[in-house]
N, C-alpha and C. Protein backbone atom coordinates (compact mmCIF):
# COMPACT_ATOMS: atom_id res chain seq x y z
N MET A 1 -2.69 -16.25 13.85
CA MET A 1 -3.13 -15.09 13.08
C MET A 1 -4.24 -14.40 13.85
N LYS A 2 -4.18 -13.09 13.90
CA LYS A 2 -5.21 -12.33 14.62
C LYS A 2 -6.52 -12.33 13.83
N LEU A 3 -7.61 -12.30 14.59
CA LEU A 3 -8.94 -12.29 14.00
C LEU A 3 -9.13 -11.08 13.09
N LYS A 4 -8.61 -9.93 13.48
CA LYS A 4 -8.79 -8.74 12.65
C LYS A 4 -8.08 -8.90 11.30
N THR A 5 -6.97 -9.64 11.27
CA THR A 5 -6.26 -9.89 10.01
C THR A 5 -7.09 -10.79 9.10
N ILE A 6 -7.73 -11.78 9.69
CA ILE A 6 -8.62 -12.66 8.91
C ILE A 6 -9.77 -11.85 8.33
N TYR A 7 -10.39 -10.99 9.16
CA TYR A 7 -11.49 -10.15 8.67
C TYR A 7 -11.03 -9.24 7.53
N LEU A 8 -9.83 -8.68 7.66
CA LEU A 8 -9.32 -7.80 6.62
C LEU A 8 -9.12 -8.58 5.32
N GLY A 9 -8.59 -9.80 5.40
CA GLY A 9 -8.45 -10.64 4.21
C GLY A 9 -9.79 -10.97 3.59
N LEU A 10 -10.79 -11.22 4.43
CA LEU A 10 -12.13 -11.50 3.92
C LEU A 10 -12.76 -10.27 3.27
N CYS A 11 -12.36 -9.08 3.70
CA CYS A 11 -12.82 -7.86 3.02
C CYS A 11 -12.35 -7.85 1.57
N VAL A 12 -11.10 -8.22 1.36
CA VAL A 12 -10.55 -8.25 0.00
C VAL A 12 -11.31 -9.26 -0.85
N VAL A 13 -11.50 -10.46 -0.32
CA VAL A 13 -12.24 -11.50 -1.04
C VAL A 13 -13.69 -11.05 -1.28
N GLY A 14 -14.30 -10.43 -0.26
CA GLY A 14 -15.68 -9.98 -0.35
C GLY A 14 -15.89 -8.85 -1.34
N PHE A 15 -14.83 -8.14 -1.66
CA PHE A 15 -14.90 -7.10 -2.69
C PHE A 15 -14.61 -7.70 -4.07
N GLU A 16 -13.53 -8.47 -4.15
CA GLU A 16 -13.07 -8.95 -5.46
C GLU A 16 -14.02 -9.94 -6.12
N LEU A 17 -14.52 -10.91 -5.38
CA LEU A 17 -15.36 -11.94 -6.01
C LEU A 17 -16.65 -11.39 -6.61
N PRO A 18 -17.43 -10.58 -5.88
CA PRO A 18 -18.64 -10.04 -6.52
C PRO A 18 -18.34 -9.14 -7.72
N TYR A 19 -17.32 -8.28 -7.60
CA TYR A 19 -17.01 -7.37 -8.70
C TYR A 19 -16.36 -8.08 -9.88
N TRP A 20 -15.79 -9.26 -9.64
CA TRP A 20 -15.24 -10.09 -10.71
C TRP A 20 -16.34 -10.45 -11.70
N GLN A 21 -17.58 -10.57 -11.22
CA GLN A 21 -18.73 -10.86 -12.07
C GLN A 21 -19.48 -9.60 -12.50
N PHE A 22 -19.54 -8.63 -11.60
CA PHE A 22 -20.35 -7.43 -11.85
C PHE A 22 -19.73 -6.51 -12.90
N ILE A 23 -18.42 -6.29 -12.83
CA ILE A 23 -17.77 -5.36 -13.77
C ILE A 23 -17.93 -5.82 -15.23
N PRO A 24 -17.68 -7.08 -15.56
CA PRO A 24 -17.93 -7.50 -16.96
C PRO A 24 -19.39 -7.37 -17.38
N TRP A 25 -20.31 -7.60 -16.44
CA TRP A 25 -21.74 -7.45 -16.76
C TRP A 25 -22.04 -6.00 -17.10
N VAL A 26 -21.53 -5.06 -16.29
CA VAL A 26 -21.75 -3.63 -16.55
C VAL A 26 -21.08 -3.23 -17.86
N ALA A 27 -19.89 -3.76 -18.12
CA ALA A 27 -19.20 -3.44 -19.37
C ALA A 27 -20.00 -3.92 -20.58
N ALA A 28 -20.67 -5.04 -20.45
CA ALA A 28 -21.44 -5.60 -21.57
C ALA A 28 -22.81 -4.96 -21.73
N THR A 29 -23.45 -4.59 -20.63
CA THR A 29 -24.84 -4.12 -20.71
C THR A 29 -25.02 -2.66 -20.32
N GLY A 30 -24.00 -2.06 -19.75
CA GLY A 30 -24.18 -0.74 -19.17
C GLY A 30 -24.85 -0.91 -17.82
N PHE A 31 -24.95 0.16 -17.06
CA PHE A 31 -25.59 0.05 -15.75
C PHE A 31 -27.09 0.21 -15.92
N ASN A 32 -27.72 -0.87 -16.33
CA ASN A 32 -29.15 -0.90 -16.62
C ASN A 32 -29.86 -1.55 -15.42
N VAL A 33 -30.44 -0.71 -14.55
CA VAL A 33 -31.06 -1.21 -13.32
C VAL A 33 -32.23 -2.13 -13.63
N THR A 34 -33.01 -1.80 -14.64
CA THR A 34 -34.15 -2.65 -15.01
C THR A 34 -33.68 -4.04 -15.41
N MET A 35 -32.65 -4.11 -16.23
CA MET A 35 -32.12 -5.41 -16.65
C MET A 35 -31.50 -6.14 -15.45
N LEU A 36 -30.85 -5.41 -14.58
CA LEU A 36 -30.25 -6.02 -13.39
C LEU A 36 -31.31 -6.73 -12.55
N VAL A 37 -32.42 -6.04 -12.30
CA VAL A 37 -33.49 -6.63 -11.50
C VAL A 37 -34.13 -7.80 -12.24
N GLN A 38 -34.34 -7.66 -13.54
CA GLN A 38 -34.92 -8.76 -14.32
C GLN A 38 -34.03 -10.00 -14.27
N GLN A 39 -32.74 -9.82 -14.44
CA GLN A 39 -31.84 -10.96 -14.42
C GLN A 39 -31.64 -11.51 -13.01
N LEU A 40 -31.69 -10.63 -12.03
CA LEU A 40 -31.54 -11.06 -10.64
C LEU A 40 -32.67 -12.00 -10.23
N PHE A 41 -33.87 -11.73 -10.71
CA PHE A 41 -35.04 -12.54 -10.39
C PHE A 41 -35.53 -13.34 -11.61
N ALA A 42 -34.60 -13.74 -12.47
CA ALA A 42 -34.95 -14.43 -13.72
C ALA A 42 -35.52 -15.82 -13.49
N ASN A 43 -35.12 -16.49 -12.43
CA ASN A 43 -35.63 -17.83 -12.16
C ASN A 43 -35.62 -18.07 -10.65
N ARG A 44 -36.10 -19.21 -10.25
CA ARG A 44 -36.24 -19.49 -8.81
C ARG A 44 -34.89 -19.53 -8.08
N ILE A 45 -33.86 -20.07 -8.71
CA ILE A 45 -32.58 -20.19 -8.01
C ILE A 45 -31.89 -18.83 -7.87
N SER A 46 -31.98 -18.00 -8.89
CA SER A 46 -31.39 -16.67 -8.75
C SER A 46 -32.21 -15.83 -7.77
N SER A 47 -33.52 -16.01 -7.76
CA SER A 47 -34.37 -15.32 -6.78
C SER A 47 -34.05 -15.77 -5.37
N PHE A 48 -33.78 -17.07 -5.21
CA PHE A 48 -33.39 -17.62 -3.91
C PHE A 48 -32.15 -16.89 -3.38
N PHE A 49 -31.13 -16.77 -4.21
CA PHE A 49 -29.91 -16.10 -3.78
C PHE A 49 -30.12 -14.61 -3.57
N ALA A 50 -30.89 -13.97 -4.43
CA ALA A 50 -31.15 -12.54 -4.28
C ALA A 50 -31.89 -12.25 -2.97
N LEU A 51 -32.90 -13.03 -2.68
CA LEU A 51 -33.66 -12.81 -1.45
C LEU A 51 -32.83 -13.15 -0.22
N ASP A 52 -31.99 -14.16 -0.31
CA ASP A 52 -31.09 -14.50 0.79
C ASP A 52 -30.17 -13.32 1.11
N VAL A 53 -29.62 -12.71 0.08
CA VAL A 53 -28.72 -11.57 0.27
C VAL A 53 -29.49 -10.36 0.81
N LEU A 54 -30.69 -10.13 0.32
CA LEU A 54 -31.49 -9.00 0.81
C LEU A 54 -31.83 -9.17 2.30
N VAL A 55 -32.24 -10.36 2.69
CA VAL A 55 -32.54 -10.61 4.11
C VAL A 55 -31.26 -10.49 4.94
N SER A 56 -30.17 -11.03 4.45
CA SER A 56 -28.89 -10.91 5.16
C SER A 56 -28.47 -9.46 5.33
N SER A 57 -28.75 -8.64 4.34
CA SER A 57 -28.43 -7.21 4.43
C SER A 57 -29.22 -6.54 5.55
N VAL A 58 -30.50 -6.85 5.63
CA VAL A 58 -31.33 -6.28 6.70
C VAL A 58 -30.83 -6.75 8.07
N VAL A 59 -30.52 -8.04 8.18
CA VAL A 59 -29.99 -8.58 9.44
C VAL A 59 -28.69 -7.88 9.80
N LEU A 60 -27.83 -7.66 8.83
CA LEU A 60 -26.56 -6.99 9.09
C LEU A 60 -26.76 -5.57 9.60
N VAL A 61 -27.68 -4.83 9.01
CA VAL A 61 -27.95 -3.46 9.46
C VAL A 61 -28.47 -3.47 10.90
N VAL A 62 -29.37 -4.39 11.22
CA VAL A 62 -29.87 -4.50 12.59
C VAL A 62 -28.73 -4.84 13.54
N PHE A 63 -27.90 -5.82 13.15
CA PHE A 63 -26.76 -6.20 13.98
C PHE A 63 -25.80 -5.04 14.19
N MET A 64 -25.46 -4.33 13.11
CA MET A 64 -24.53 -3.20 13.24
C MET A 64 -25.09 -2.13 14.16
N ASN A 65 -26.38 -1.85 14.03
CA ASN A 65 -26.98 -0.82 14.88
C ASN A 65 -27.00 -1.23 16.35
N THR A 66 -27.42 -2.44 16.64
CA THR A 66 -27.51 -2.86 18.04
C THR A 66 -26.14 -3.07 18.66
N GLU A 67 -25.24 -3.69 17.92
CA GLU A 67 -23.89 -3.94 18.45
C GLU A 67 -23.11 -2.64 18.61
N SER A 68 -23.29 -1.72 17.66
CA SER A 68 -22.61 -0.43 17.77
C SER A 68 -23.12 0.37 18.96
N ALA A 69 -24.41 0.31 19.22
CA ALA A 69 -24.97 1.00 20.39
C ALA A 69 -24.46 0.36 21.68
N ARG A 70 -24.40 -0.96 21.70
CA ARG A 70 -23.93 -1.67 22.89
C ARG A 70 -22.48 -1.35 23.20
N LEU A 71 -21.65 -1.26 22.16
CA LEU A 71 -20.23 -0.99 22.34
C LEU A 71 -19.88 0.49 22.31
N LYS A 72 -20.92 1.33 22.14
CA LYS A 72 -20.70 2.77 21.96
C LYS A 72 -19.69 3.02 20.83
N PHE A 73 -20.00 2.40 19.71
CA PHE A 73 -19.15 2.41 18.53
C PHE A 73 -19.89 3.17 17.44
N SER A 74 -19.39 4.33 17.09
CA SER A 74 -20.14 5.20 16.18
C SER A 74 -19.75 5.05 14.70
N ALA A 75 -18.68 4.37 14.40
CA ALA A 75 -18.18 4.29 13.02
C ALA A 75 -18.91 3.23 12.22
N ARG A 76 -20.17 3.49 11.87
CA ARG A 76 -20.96 2.56 11.06
C ARG A 76 -21.05 3.00 9.61
N GLY A 77 -20.60 4.19 9.30
CA GLY A 77 -20.77 4.73 7.96
C GLY A 77 -20.07 3.95 6.87
N LEU A 78 -18.82 3.60 7.09
CA LEU A 78 -18.06 2.89 6.06
C LEU A 78 -18.65 1.51 5.76
N PRO A 79 -18.99 0.69 6.77
CA PRO A 79 -19.64 -0.59 6.44
C PRO A 79 -20.99 -0.41 5.74
N LEU A 80 -21.72 0.63 6.07
CA LEU A 80 -23.00 0.87 5.40
C LEU A 80 -22.78 1.22 3.93
N ILE A 81 -21.77 2.03 3.66
CA ILE A 81 -21.43 2.35 2.26
C ILE A 81 -21.00 1.08 1.53
N ALA A 82 -20.20 0.23 2.22
CA ALA A 82 -19.78 -1.04 1.62
C ALA A 82 -20.98 -1.93 1.31
N LEU A 83 -21.96 -1.93 2.21
CA LEU A 83 -23.17 -2.73 1.99
C LEU A 83 -23.92 -2.25 0.76
N LEU A 84 -24.04 -0.95 0.60
CA LEU A 84 -24.81 -0.40 -0.51
C LEU A 84 -24.08 -0.46 -1.85
N THR A 85 -22.74 -0.48 -1.83
CA THR A 85 -21.99 -0.47 -3.09
C THR A 85 -21.46 -1.84 -3.50
N VAL A 86 -21.23 -2.72 -2.53
CA VAL A 86 -20.74 -4.07 -2.85
C VAL A 86 -21.73 -5.11 -2.34
N GLY A 87 -21.94 -5.14 -1.03
CA GLY A 87 -22.88 -6.08 -0.45
C GLY A 87 -22.40 -6.61 0.88
N VAL A 88 -23.11 -7.61 1.36
CA VAL A 88 -22.82 -8.23 2.65
C VAL A 88 -21.40 -8.81 2.66
N SER A 89 -20.94 -9.30 1.52
CA SER A 89 -19.63 -9.96 1.45
C SER A 89 -18.49 -9.03 1.83
N LEU A 90 -18.66 -7.74 1.66
CA LEU A 90 -17.66 -6.76 2.10
C LEU A 90 -18.07 -6.11 3.42
N ALA A 91 -19.33 -5.75 3.55
CA ALA A 91 -19.78 -4.99 4.71
C ALA A 91 -19.61 -5.76 6.03
N LEU A 92 -19.93 -7.04 6.04
CA LEU A 92 -19.83 -7.81 7.28
C LEU A 92 -18.38 -7.95 7.75
N PRO A 93 -17.45 -8.43 6.92
CA PRO A 93 -16.08 -8.51 7.44
C PRO A 93 -15.48 -7.14 7.76
N LEU A 94 -15.88 -6.10 7.02
CA LEU A 94 -15.39 -4.76 7.32
C LEU A 94 -15.88 -4.30 8.68
N TYR A 95 -17.16 -4.49 8.96
CA TYR A 95 -17.69 -4.11 10.27
C TYR A 95 -17.01 -4.91 11.37
N LEU A 96 -16.84 -6.21 11.18
CA LEU A 96 -16.20 -7.04 12.19
C LEU A 96 -14.74 -6.65 12.40
N TYR A 97 -14.05 -6.27 11.33
CA TYR A 97 -12.68 -5.76 11.44
C TYR A 97 -12.64 -4.49 12.28
N MET A 98 -13.52 -3.56 11.96
CA MET A 98 -13.57 -2.29 12.71
C MET A 98 -13.96 -2.53 14.17
N ARG A 99 -14.83 -3.47 14.39
CA ARG A 99 -15.24 -3.83 15.76
C ARG A 99 -14.06 -4.41 16.53
N GLU A 100 -13.29 -5.28 15.89
CA GLU A 100 -12.10 -5.85 16.53
C GLU A 100 -11.09 -4.76 16.89
N LEU A 101 -10.91 -3.79 15.98
CA LEU A 101 -10.00 -2.68 16.27
C LEU A 101 -10.45 -1.91 17.51
N LYS A 102 -11.75 -1.66 17.61
CA LYS A 102 -12.29 -0.94 18.76
C LYS A 102 -12.10 -1.74 20.04
N LEU A 103 -12.41 -3.02 20.00
CA LEU A 103 -12.26 -3.87 21.19
C LEU A 103 -10.80 -3.97 21.61
N GLU A 104 -9.91 -4.06 20.64
CA GLU A 104 -8.47 -4.09 20.95
C GLU A 104 -8.04 -2.81 21.64
N LYS A 105 -8.50 -1.70 21.09
CA LYS A 105 -8.14 -0.40 21.66
C LYS A 105 -8.64 -0.28 23.09
N GLU A 106 -9.88 -0.71 23.32
CA GLU A 106 -10.46 -0.65 24.67
C GLU A 106 -9.72 -1.55 25.64
N GLN A 107 -9.23 -2.68 25.15
CA GLN A 107 -8.57 -3.65 26.02
C GLN A 107 -7.05 -3.52 26.00
N GLY A 108 -6.57 -2.44 25.44
CA GLY A 108 -5.14 -2.19 25.42
C GLY A 108 -4.35 -3.12 24.52
N GLY A 109 -4.96 -3.59 23.44
CA GLY A 109 -4.27 -4.46 22.50
C GLY A 109 -4.10 -5.88 22.97
N MET A 110 -4.80 -6.27 24.02
CA MET A 110 -4.64 -7.60 24.61
C MET A 110 -5.64 -8.62 24.09
N ARG A 111 -6.50 -8.25 23.15
CA ARG A 111 -7.50 -9.17 22.64
C ARG A 111 -6.83 -10.21 21.76
N VAL A 112 -7.15 -11.47 22.01
CA VAL A 112 -6.59 -12.56 21.20
C VAL A 112 -7.72 -13.29 20.50
N ALA A 113 -7.39 -13.87 19.36
CA ALA A 113 -8.40 -14.61 18.58
C ALA A 113 -8.72 -15.92 19.26
N THR A 114 -9.99 -16.29 19.19
CA THR A 114 -10.43 -17.60 19.68
C THR A 114 -10.94 -18.38 18.49
N ALA A 115 -10.58 -19.61 18.43
CA ALA A 115 -10.97 -20.41 17.27
C ALA A 115 -12.22 -21.17 17.48
């Protein structure tokens, strides 16, 4: 299986799993940002996960910027939108999928997955 196919599958999982929890929460409470932040940081374990995701988001933006500049890859907009609307779980595999497409195109479709 090609690496880009794996990344594309992970995009689906990275979208579906977070929204599987988020959509019922919004349906029950409305899009209440104050309540979202209160519940996100309600205790130490939820704060742990929230801060982990926030730091990972910053790392991802730095990675996308530096890697895109190195590869002369300008299509960062869609992964950034994915990061802001879903999170790292969608943005990272989406960026890696798009990166694989670019590398394949540059190498004439000869790029193979390494395990």
